[in-house]
PDB file of all heavy atoms in Angstrom:
ATOM      1  N   GLY A   1       0.774  -1.279  -0.025  1.00  0.00           N
ATOM      2  CA  GLY A   1       0.016  -0.039  -0.033  1.00  0.00           C
ATOM      3  C   GLY A   1       0.847   1.240   0.020  1.00  0.00           C
ATOM      4  O   GLY A   1       0.579   2.198  -0.753  1.00  0.00           O
ATOM      5  N   CYS A   2       1.938   1.280   0.774  1.00  0.00           N
ATOM      6  CA  CYS A   2       2.759   2.293   0.846  1.00  0.00           C
ATOM      7  C   CYS A   2       3.490   2.558  -0.534  1.00  0.00           C
ATOM      8  O   CYS A   2       3.700   3.708  -1.032  1.00  0.00           O
ATOM      9  CB  CYS A   2       3.917   2.208   1.796  1.00  0.00           C
ATOM     10  SG  CYS A   2       3.246   2.176   3.638  1.00  0.00           S
ATOM     11  N   ALA A   3       3.941   1.459  -1.212  1.00  0.00           N
ATOM     12  CA  ALA A   3       4.478   1.580  -2.557  1.00  0.00           C
ATOM     13  C   ALA A   3       3.532   2.181  -3.526  1.00  0.00           C
ATOM     14  O   ALA A   3       3.885   2.898  -4.423  1.00  0.00           O
ATOM     15  CB  ALA A   3       5.019   0.206  -2.966  1.00  0.00           C
ATOM     16  N   GLY A   4       2.339   1.649  -3.393  1.00  0.00           N
ATOM     17  CA  GLY A   4       1.278   2.124  -4.311  1.00  0.00           C
ATOM     18  C   GLY A   4       1.055   3.709  -4.183  1.00  0.00           C
ATOM     19  O   GLY A   4       0.880   4.409  -5.151  1.00  0.00           O
ATOM     20  N   ILE A   5       1.036   4.098  -2.902  1.00  0.00           N
ATOM     21  CA  ILE A   5       0.816   5.620  -2.616  1.00  0.00           C
ATOM     22  C   ILE A   5       1.988   6.412  -3.209  1.00  0.00           C
ATOM     23  O   ILE A   5       1.862   7.362  -3.892  1.00  0.00           O
ATOM     24  CB  ILE A   5       0.709   5.788  -1.121  1.00  0.00           C
ATOM     25  CG1 ILE A   5      -0.631   5.203  -0.681  1.00  0.00           C
ATOM     26  CG2 ILE A   5       0.783   7.316  -0.829  1.00  0.00           C
ATOM     27  CD1 ILE A   5      -0.769   5.323   0.835  1.00  0.00           C
ATOM     28  N   ALA A   6       3.206   5.847  -3.107  1.00  0.00           N
ATOM     29  CA  ALA A   6       4.392   6.493  -3.563  1.00  0.00           C
ATOM     30  C   ALA A   6       4.388   6.574  -5.045  1.00  0.00           C
ATOM     31  O   ALA A   6       4.691   7.641  -5.608  1.00  0.00           O
ATOM     32  CB  ALA A   6       5.691   5.855  -3.117  1.00  0.00           C
ATOM     33  N   LEU A   7       3.884   5.551  -5.699  1.00  0.00           N
ATOM     34  CA  LEU A   7       3.829   5.555  -7.174  1.00  0.00           C
ATOM     35  C   LEU A   7       2.811   6.580  -7.624  1.00  0.00           C
ATOM     36  O   LEU A   7       2.935   7.323  -8.643  1.00  0.00           O
ATOM     37  CB  LEU A   7       3.554   4.177  -7.617  1.00  0.00           C
ATOM     38  CG  LEU A   7       3.426   3.961  -9.187  1.00  0.00           C
ATOM     39  CD1 LEU A   7       4.689   4.397  -9.859  1.00  0.00           C
ATOM     40  CD2 LEU A   7       3.005   2.634  -9.532  1.00  0.00           C
ATOM     41  N   CYS A   8       1.671   6.569  -6.949  1.00  0.00           N
ATOM     42  CA  CYS A   8       0.576   7.502  -7.325  1.00  0.00           C
ATOM     43  C   CYS A   8       1.060   9.005  -7.152  1.00  0.00           C
ATOM     44  O   CYS A   8       0.731   9.852  -7.934  1.00  0.00           O
ATOM     45  CB  CYS A   8      -0.618   7.260  -6.492  1.00  0.00           C
ATOM     46  SG  CYS A   8      -1.483   5.711  -6.883  1.00  0.00           S
ATOM     47  N   VAL A   9       1.815   9.264  -6.052  1.00  0.00           N
ATOM     48  CA  VAL A   9       2.322  10.598  -5.818  1.00  0.00           C
ATOM     49  C   VAL A   9       3.280  10.976  -6.952  1.00  0.00           C
ATOM     50  O   VAL A   9       3.284  12.084  -7.522  1.00  0.00           O
ATOM     51  CB  VAL A   9       3.042  10.694  -4.427  1.00  0.00           C
ATOM     52  CG1 VAL A   9       3.860  11.950  -4.415  1.00  0.00           C
ATOM     53  CG2 VAL A   9       2.077  10.540  -3.372  1.00  0.00           C
ATOM     54  N   ALA A  10       4.171   9.961  -7.406  1.00  0.00           N
ATOM     55  CA  ALA A  10       5.128  10.258  -8.504  1.00  0.00           C
ATOM     56  C   ALA A  10       4.298  10.455  -9.847  1.00  0.00           C
ATOM     57  O   ALA A  10       4.672  11.424 -10.550  1.00  0.00           O
ATOM     58  CB  ALA A  10       6.086   9.120  -8.630  1.00  0.00           C
ATOM     59  N   ILE A  11       3.334   9.665 -10.050  1.00  0.00           N
ATOM     60  CA  ILE A  11       2.489   9.996 -11.329  1.00  0.00           C
ATOM     61  C   ILE A  11       1.801  11.295 -11.250  1.00  0.00           C
ATOM     62  O   ILE A  11       1.719  12.019 -12.183  1.00  0.00           O
ATOM     63  CB  ILE A  11       1.573   8.824 -11.468  1.00  0.00           C
ATOM     64  CG1 ILE A  11       2.262   7.560 -11.729  1.00  0.00           C
ATOM     65  CG2 ILE A  11       0.528   9.169 -12.675  1.00  0.00           C
ATOM     66  CD1 ILE A  11       1.341   6.230 -11.856  1.00  0.00           C
ATOM     67  N   GLY A  12       1.247  11.658 -10.043  1.00  0.00           N
ATOM     68  CA  GLY A  12       0.660  12.947  -9.917  1.00  0.00           C
ATOM     69  C   GLY A  12       1.535  14.074 -10.107  1.00  0.00           C
ATOM     70  O   GLY A  12       1.250  15.175 -10.725  1.00  0.00           O
ATOM     71  N   ALA A  13       2.846  13.985  -9.602  1.00  0.00           N
ATOM     72  CA  ALA A  13       3.821  15.082  -9.744  1.00  0.00           C
ATOM     73  C   ALA A  13       4.164  15.222 -11.176  1.00  0.00           C
ATOM     74  O   ALA A  13       4.304  16.306 -11.681  1.00  0.00           O
ATOM     75  CB  ALA A  13       5.019  14.736  -8.942  1.00  0.00           C
ATOM     76  N   ALA A  14       4.317  14.027 -11.903  1.00  0.00           N
ATOM     77  CA  ALA A  14       4.599  14.077 -13.324  1.00  0.00           C
ATOM     78  C   ALA A  14       3.538  14.777 -14.088  1.00  0.00           C
ATOM     79  O   ALA A  14       3.769  15.493 -15.019  1.00  0.00           O
ATOM     80  CB  ALA A  14       4.911  12.675 -13.859  1.00  0.00           C
ATOM     81  N   ALA A  15       2.244  14.452 -13.785  1.00  0.00           N
ATOM     82  CA  ALA A  15       1.083  15.037 -14.470  1.00  0.00           C
ATOM     83  C   ALA A  15       1.081  16.506 -14.247  1.00  0.00           C
ATOM     84  O   ALA A  15       0.765  17.333 -15.117  1.00  0.00           O
ATOM     85  CB  ALA A  15      -0.224  14.341 -14.002  1.00  0.00           C
ATOM     86  N   LEU A  16       1.348  16.965 -12.972  1.00  0.00           N
ATOM     87  CA  LEU A  16       1.301  18.337 -12.662  1.00  0.00           C
ATOM     88  C   LEU A  16       2.359  19.162 -13.422  1.00  0.00           C
ATOM     89  O   LEU A  16       2.209  20.147 -13.947  1.00  0.00           O
ATOM     90  CB  LEU A  16       1.464  18.575 -11.064  1.00  0.00           C
ATOM     91  CG  LEU A  16       1.519  19.961 -10.642  1.00  0.00           C
ATOM     92  CD1 LEU A  16       0.200  20.695 -10.974  1.00  0.00           C
ATOM     93  CD2 LEU A  16       1.722  20.003  -9.199  1.00  0.00           C
ATOM     94  N   GLY A  17       3.582  18.455 -13.469  1.00  0.00           N
ATOM     95  CA  GLY A  17       4.672  19.114 -14.169  1.00  0.00           C
ATOM     96  C   GLY A  17       4.362  19.285 -15.641  1.00  0.00           C
ATOM     97  O   GLY A  17       4.678  20.403 -16.272  1.00  0.00           O
ATOM     98  N   ALA A  18       3.708  18.281 -16.174  1.00  0.00           N
ATOM     99  CA  ALA A  18       3.389  18.350 -17.661  1.00  0.00           C
ATOM    100  C   ALA A  18       2.300  19.482 -17.870  1.00  0.00           C
ATOM    101  O   ALA A  18       2.342  20.160 -18.949  1.00  0.00           O
ATOM    102  CB  ALA A  18       2.823  16.948 -18.160  1.00  0.00           C
ATOM    103  N   TYR A  19       1.425  19.659 -16.911  1.00  0.00           N
ATOM    104  CA  TYR A  19       0.397  20.673 -16.951  1.00  0.00           C
ATOM    105  C   TYR A  19       1.032  22.027 -16.909  1.00  0.00           C
ATOM    106  O   TYR A  19       0.739  22.914 -17.763  1.00  0.00           O
ATOM    107  CB  TYR A  19      -0.566  20.547 -15.935  1.00  0.00           C
ATOM    108  CG  TYR A  19      -1.680  21.616 -15.863  1.00  0.00           C
ATOM    109  CD1 TYR A  19      -2.643  21.622 -16.741  1.00  0.00           C
ATOM    110  CD2 TYR A  19      -1.514  22.646 -14.867  1.00  0.00           C
ATOM    111  CE1 TYR A  19      -3.614  22.811 -16.681  1.00  0.00           C
ATOM    112  CE2 TYR A  19      -2.427  23.627 -14.814  1.00  0.00           C
ATOM    113  CZ  TYR A  19      -3.496  23.728 -15.781  1.00  0.00           C
ATOM    114  OH  TYR A  19      -4.402  24.701 -15.705  1.00  0.00           O
ATOM    115  N   LEU A  20       2.012  22.268 -15.960  1.00  0.00           N
ATOM    116  CA  LEU A  20       2.563  23.532 -15.860  1.00  0.00           C
ATOM    117  C   LEU A  20       3.464  23.868 -17.083  1.00  0.00           C
ATOM    118  O   LEU A  20       3.561  25.108 -17.462  1.00  0.00           O
ATOM    119  CB  LEU A  20       3.522  23.548 -14.585  1.00  0.00           C
ATOM    120  CG  LEU A  20       2.768  23.468 -13.267  1.00  0.00           C
ATOM    121  CD1 LEU A  20       3.707  23.349 -12.005  1.00  0.00           C
ATOM    122  CD2 LEU A  20       1.710  24.634 -13.103  1.00  0.00           C
ATOM    123  N   TRP A  21       4.112  22.945 -17.666  1.00  0.00           N
ATOM    124  CA  TRP A  21       4.943  23.141 -18.859  1.00  0.00           C
ATOM    125  C   TRP A  21       4.078  23.227 -20.152  1.00  0.00           C
ATOM    126  O   TRP A  21       4.681  23.344 -21.229  1.00  0.00           O
ATOM    127  CB  TRP A  21       6.078  22.079 -18.954  1.00  0.00           C
ATOM    128  CG  TRP A  21       7.127  22.255 -17.927  1.00  0.00           C
ATOM    129  CD1 TRP A  21       7.235  21.710 -16.774  1.00  0.00           C
ATOM    130  CD2 TRP A  21       8.177  23.237 -17.970  1.00  0.00           C
ATOM    131  NE1 TRP A  21       8.420  22.086 -16.104  1.00  0.00           N
ATOM    132  CE2 TRP A  21       8.975  23.019 -16.820  1.00  0.00           C
ATOM    133  CE3 TRP A  21       8.619  24.173 -18.915  1.00  0.00           C
ATOM    134  CZ2 TRP A  21      10.116  23.767 -16.450  1.00  0.00           C
ATOM    135  CZ3 TRP A  21       9.766  24.896 -18.678  1.00  0.00           C
ATOM    136  CH2 TRP A  21      10.519  24.762 -17.530  1.00  0.00           C
ATOM    137  N   GLY A  22       2.859  22.969 -20.036  1.00  0.00           N
ATOM    138  CA  GLY A  22       2.038  23.050 -21.217  1.00  0.00           C
ATOM    139  C   GLY A  22       2.266  21.874 -22.229  1.00  0.00           C
ATOM    140  O   GLY A  22       1.989  22.072 -23.400  1.00  0.00           O
ATOM    141  N   THR A  23       2.653  20.764 -21.721  1.00  0.00           N
ATOM    142  CA  THR A  23       2.944  19.682 -22.674  1.00  0.00           C
ATOM    143  C   THR A  23       1.935  18.512 -22.325  1.00  0.00           C
ATOM    144  O   THR A  23       2.311  17.293 -22.370  1.00  0.00           O
ATOM    145  CB  THR A  23       4.385  19.121 -22.394  1.00  0.00           C
ATOM    146  OG1 THR A  23       4.558  18.735 -21.057  1.00  0.00           O
ATOM    147  CG2 THR A  23       5.427  20.137 -22.869  1.00  0.00           C
ATOM    148  N   VAL A  24       0.736  18.872 -22.030  1.00  0.00           N
ATOM    149  CA  VAL A  24      -0.275  17.829 -21.745  1.00  0.00           C
ATOM    150  C   VAL A  24      -0.682  17.125 -22.951  1.00  0.00           C
ATOM    151  O   VAL A  24      -0.863  17.659 -24.063  1.00  0.00           O
ATOM    152  CB  VAL A  24      -1.528  18.462 -21.167  1.00  0.00           C
ATOM    153  CG1 VAL A  24      -2.589  17.382 -20.859  1.00  0.00           C
ATOM    154  CG2 VAL A  24      -1.217  19.184 -19.841  1.00  0.00           C
ATOM    155  N   VAL A  25      -0.579  15.663 -22.956  1.00  0.00           N
ATOM    156  CA  VAL A  25      -0.822  14.913 -24.063  1.00  0.00           C
ATOM    157  C   VAL A  25      -1.894  13.848 -23.554  1.00  0.00           C
ATOM    158  O   VAL A  25      -2.037  13.636 -22.410  1.00  0.00           O
ATOM    159  CB  VAL A  25       0.381  14.103 -24.605  1.00  0.00           C
ATOM    160  CG1 VAL A  25       1.398  15.150 -25.189  1.00  0.00           C
ATOM    161  CG2 VAL A  25       1.064  13.341 -23.470  1.00  0.00           C
ATOM    162  N   PRO A  26      -2.588  13.214 -24.534  1.00  0.00           N
ATOM    163  CA  PRO A  26      -3.574  12.260 -24.061  1.00  0.00           C
ATOM    164  C   PRO A  26      -2.922  11.230 -23.255  1.00  0.00           C
ATOM    165  O   PRO A  26      -1.962  10.627 -23.697  1.00  0.00           O
ATOM    166  CB  PRO A  26      -4.105  11.659 -25.359  1.00  0.00           C
ATOM    167  CG  PRO A  26      -3.891  12.870 -26.247  1.00  0.00           C
ATOM    168  CD  PRO A  26      -2.687  13.477 -25.994  1.00  0.00           C
ATOM    169  N   GLY A  27      -3.368  10.916 -22.053  1.00  0.00           N
ATOM    170  CA  GLY A  27      -2.696   9.905 -21.175  1.00  0.00           C
ATOM    171  C   GLY A  27      -3.630   8.790 -20.757  1.00  0.00           C
ATOM    172  O   GLY A  27      -3.500   8.314 -19.654  1.00  0.00           O
ATOM    173  N   TRP A  28      -4.431   8.303 -21.701  1.00  0.00           N
ATOM    174  CA  TRP A  28      -5.266   7.201 -21.378  1.00  0.00           C
ATOM    175  C   TRP A  28      -4.550   5.976 -20.849  1.00  0.00           C
ATOM    176  O   TRP A  28      -4.884   5.396 -19.889  1.00  0.00           O
ATOM    177  CB  TRP A  28      -6.137   6.866 -22.611  1.00  0.00           C
ATOM    178  CG  TRP A  28      -7.127   5.692 -22.296  1.00  0.00           C
ATOM    179  CD1 TRP A  28      -8.315   5.904 -21.851  1.00  0.00           C
ATOM    180  CD2 TRP A  28      -6.914   4.381 -22.440  1.00  0.00           C
ATOM    181  NE1 TRP A  28      -9.030   4.725 -21.712  1.00  0.00           N
ATOM    182  CE2 TRP A  28      -8.120   3.747 -22.038  1.00  0.00           C
ATOM    183  CE3 TRP A  28      -5.933   3.600 -22.896  1.00  0.00           C
ATOM    184  CZ2 TRP A  28      -8.266   2.320 -22.089  1.00  0.00           C
ATOM    185  CZ3 TRP A  28      -5.939   2.243 -23.000  1.00  0.00           C
ATOM    186  CH2 TRP A  28      -7.201   1.570 -22.518  1.00  0.00           C
ATOM    187  N   THR A  29      -3.406   5.618 -21.548  1.00  0.00           N
ATOM    188  CA  THR A  29      -2.739   4.345 -21.262  1.00  0.00           C
ATOM    189  C   THR A  29      -2.122   4.463 -19.837  1.00  0.00           C
ATOM    190  O   THR A  29      -2.314   3.577 -19.003  1.00  0.00           O
ATOM    191  CB  THR A  29      -1.591   4.105 -22.270  1.00  0.00           C
ATOM    192  OG1 THR A  29      -2.107   3.974 -23.520  1.00  0.00           O
ATOM    193  CG2 THR A  29      -0.829   2.858 -21.853  1.00  0.00           C
ATOM    194  N   SER A  30      -1.454   5.535 -19.439  1.00  0.00           N
ATOM    195  CA  SER A  30      -0.820   5.758 -18.231  1.00  0.00           C
ATOM    196  C   SER A  30      -1.889   5.716 -17.153  1.00  0.00           C
ATOM    197  O   SER A  30      -1.724   5.098 -15.997  1.00  0.00           O
ATOM    198  CB  SER A  30       0.001   6.998 -18.078  1.00  0.00           C
ATOM    199  OG  SER A  30      -0.811   8.213 -18.381  1.00  0.00           O
ATOM    200  N   MET A  31      -3.013   6.424 -17.385  1.00  0.00           N
ATOM    201  CA  MET A  31      -4.111   6.440 -16.390  1.00  0.00           C
ATOM    202  C   MET A  31      -4.661   5.117 -16.199  1.00  0.00           C
ATOM    203  O   MET A  31      -4.997   4.656 -15.052  1.00  0.00           O
ATOM    204  CB  MET A  31      -5.158   7.370 -16.772  1.00  0.00           C
ATOM    205  CG  MET A  31      -6.286   7.638 -15.821  1.00  0.00           C
ATOM    206  SD  MET A  31      -5.692   8.316 -14.220  1.00  0.00           S
ATOM    207  CE  MET A  31      -5.275  10.016 -14.800  1.00  0.00           C
ATOM    208  N   PHE A  32      -4.849   4.310 -17.224  1.00  0.00           N
ATOM    209  CA  PHE A  32      -5.438   3.054 -17.148  1.00  0.00           C
ATOM    210  C   PHE A  32      -4.538   2.106 -16.264  1.00  0.00           C
ATOM    211  O   PHE A  32      -4.941   1.355 -15.419  1.00  0.00           O
ATOM    212  CB  PHE A  32      -5.684   2.488 -18.550  1.00  0.00           C
ATOM    213  CG  PHE A  32      -6.252   1.018 -18.541  1.00  0.00           C
ATOM    214  CD1 PHE A  32      -7.524   0.778 -18.318  1.00  0.00           C
ATOM    215  CD2 PHE A  32      -5.427  -0.012 -18.845  1.00  0.00           C
ATOM    216  CE1 PHE A  32      -8.095  -0.454 -18.271  1.00  0.00           C
ATOM    217  CE2 PHE A  32      -5.936  -1.303 -18.822  1.00  0.00           C
ATOM    218  CZ  PHE A  32      -7.302  -1.479 -18.467  1.00  0.00           C
ATOM    219  N   VAL A  33      -3.244   2.096 -16.626  1.00  0.00           N
ATOM    220  CA  VAL A  33      -2.268   1.347 -15.843  1.00  0.00           C
ATOM    221  C   VAL A  33      -2.259   1.590 -14.372  1.00  0.00           C
ATOM    222  O   VAL A  33      -2.244   0.753 -13.521  1.00  0.00           O
ATOM    223  CB  VAL A  33      -0.893   1.396 -16.509  1.00  0.00           C
ATOM    224  CG1 VAL A  33       0.120   0.746 -15.687  1.00  0.00           C
ATOM    225  CG2 VAL A  33      -0.884   0.839 -17.838  1.00  0.00           C
ATOM    226  N   ALA A  34      -2.281   2.877 -14.127  1.00  0.00           N
ATOM    227  CA  ALA A  34      -2.199   3.355 -12.770  1.00  0.00           C
ATOM    228  C   ALA A  34      -3.500   2.849 -11.960  1.00  0.00           C
ATOM    229  O   ALA A  34      -3.365   2.401 -10.881  1.00  0.00           O
ATOM    230  CB  ALA A  34      -2.166   4.864 -12.662  1.00  0.00           C
ATOM    231  N   LEU A  35      -4.639   3.012 -12.636  1.00  0.00           N
ATOM    232  CA  LEU A  35      -5.857   2.551 -11.933  1.00  0.00           C
ATOM    233  C   LEU A  35      -5.815   1.063 -11.758  1.00  0.00           C
ATOM    234  O   LEU A  35      -6.260   0.570 -10.675  1.00  0.00           O
ATOM    235  CB  LEU A  35      -7.053   2.980 -12.749  1.00  0.00           C
ATOM    236  CG  LEU A  35      -7.410   4.473 -12.843  1.00  0.00           C
ATOM    237  CD1 LEU A  35      -8.540   4.730 -13.781  1.00  0.00           C
ATOM    238  CD2 LEU A  35      -7.800   4.876 -11.437  1.00  0.00           C
ATOM    239  N   MET A  36      -5.373   0.348 -12.721  1.00  0.00           N
ATOM    240  CA  MET A  36      -5.278  -1.228 -12.557  1.00  0.00           C
ATOM    241  C   MET A  36      -4.418  -1.516 -11.466  1.00  0.00           C
ATOM    242  O   MET A  36      -4.663  -2.468 -10.674  1.00  0.00           O
ATOM    243  CB  MET A  36      -4.950  -1.768 -13.893  1.00  0.00           C
ATOM    244  CG  MET A  36      -5.879  -1.673 -15.062  1.00  0.00           C
ATOM    245  SD  MET A  36      -7.367  -2.793 -14.665  1.00  0.00           S
ATOM    246  CE  MET A  36      -6.522  -4.423 -14.876  1.00  0.00           C
TER     247      MET A  36
END
């Protein structure tokens, strides 16, 4: 559970960074993998 939380935080940080830099791309695959 702790490892899952850490991974989700890392994915969230990467998503926030992409948003701030304006490089948002369709992320269906990464979102699907994270949810699974």
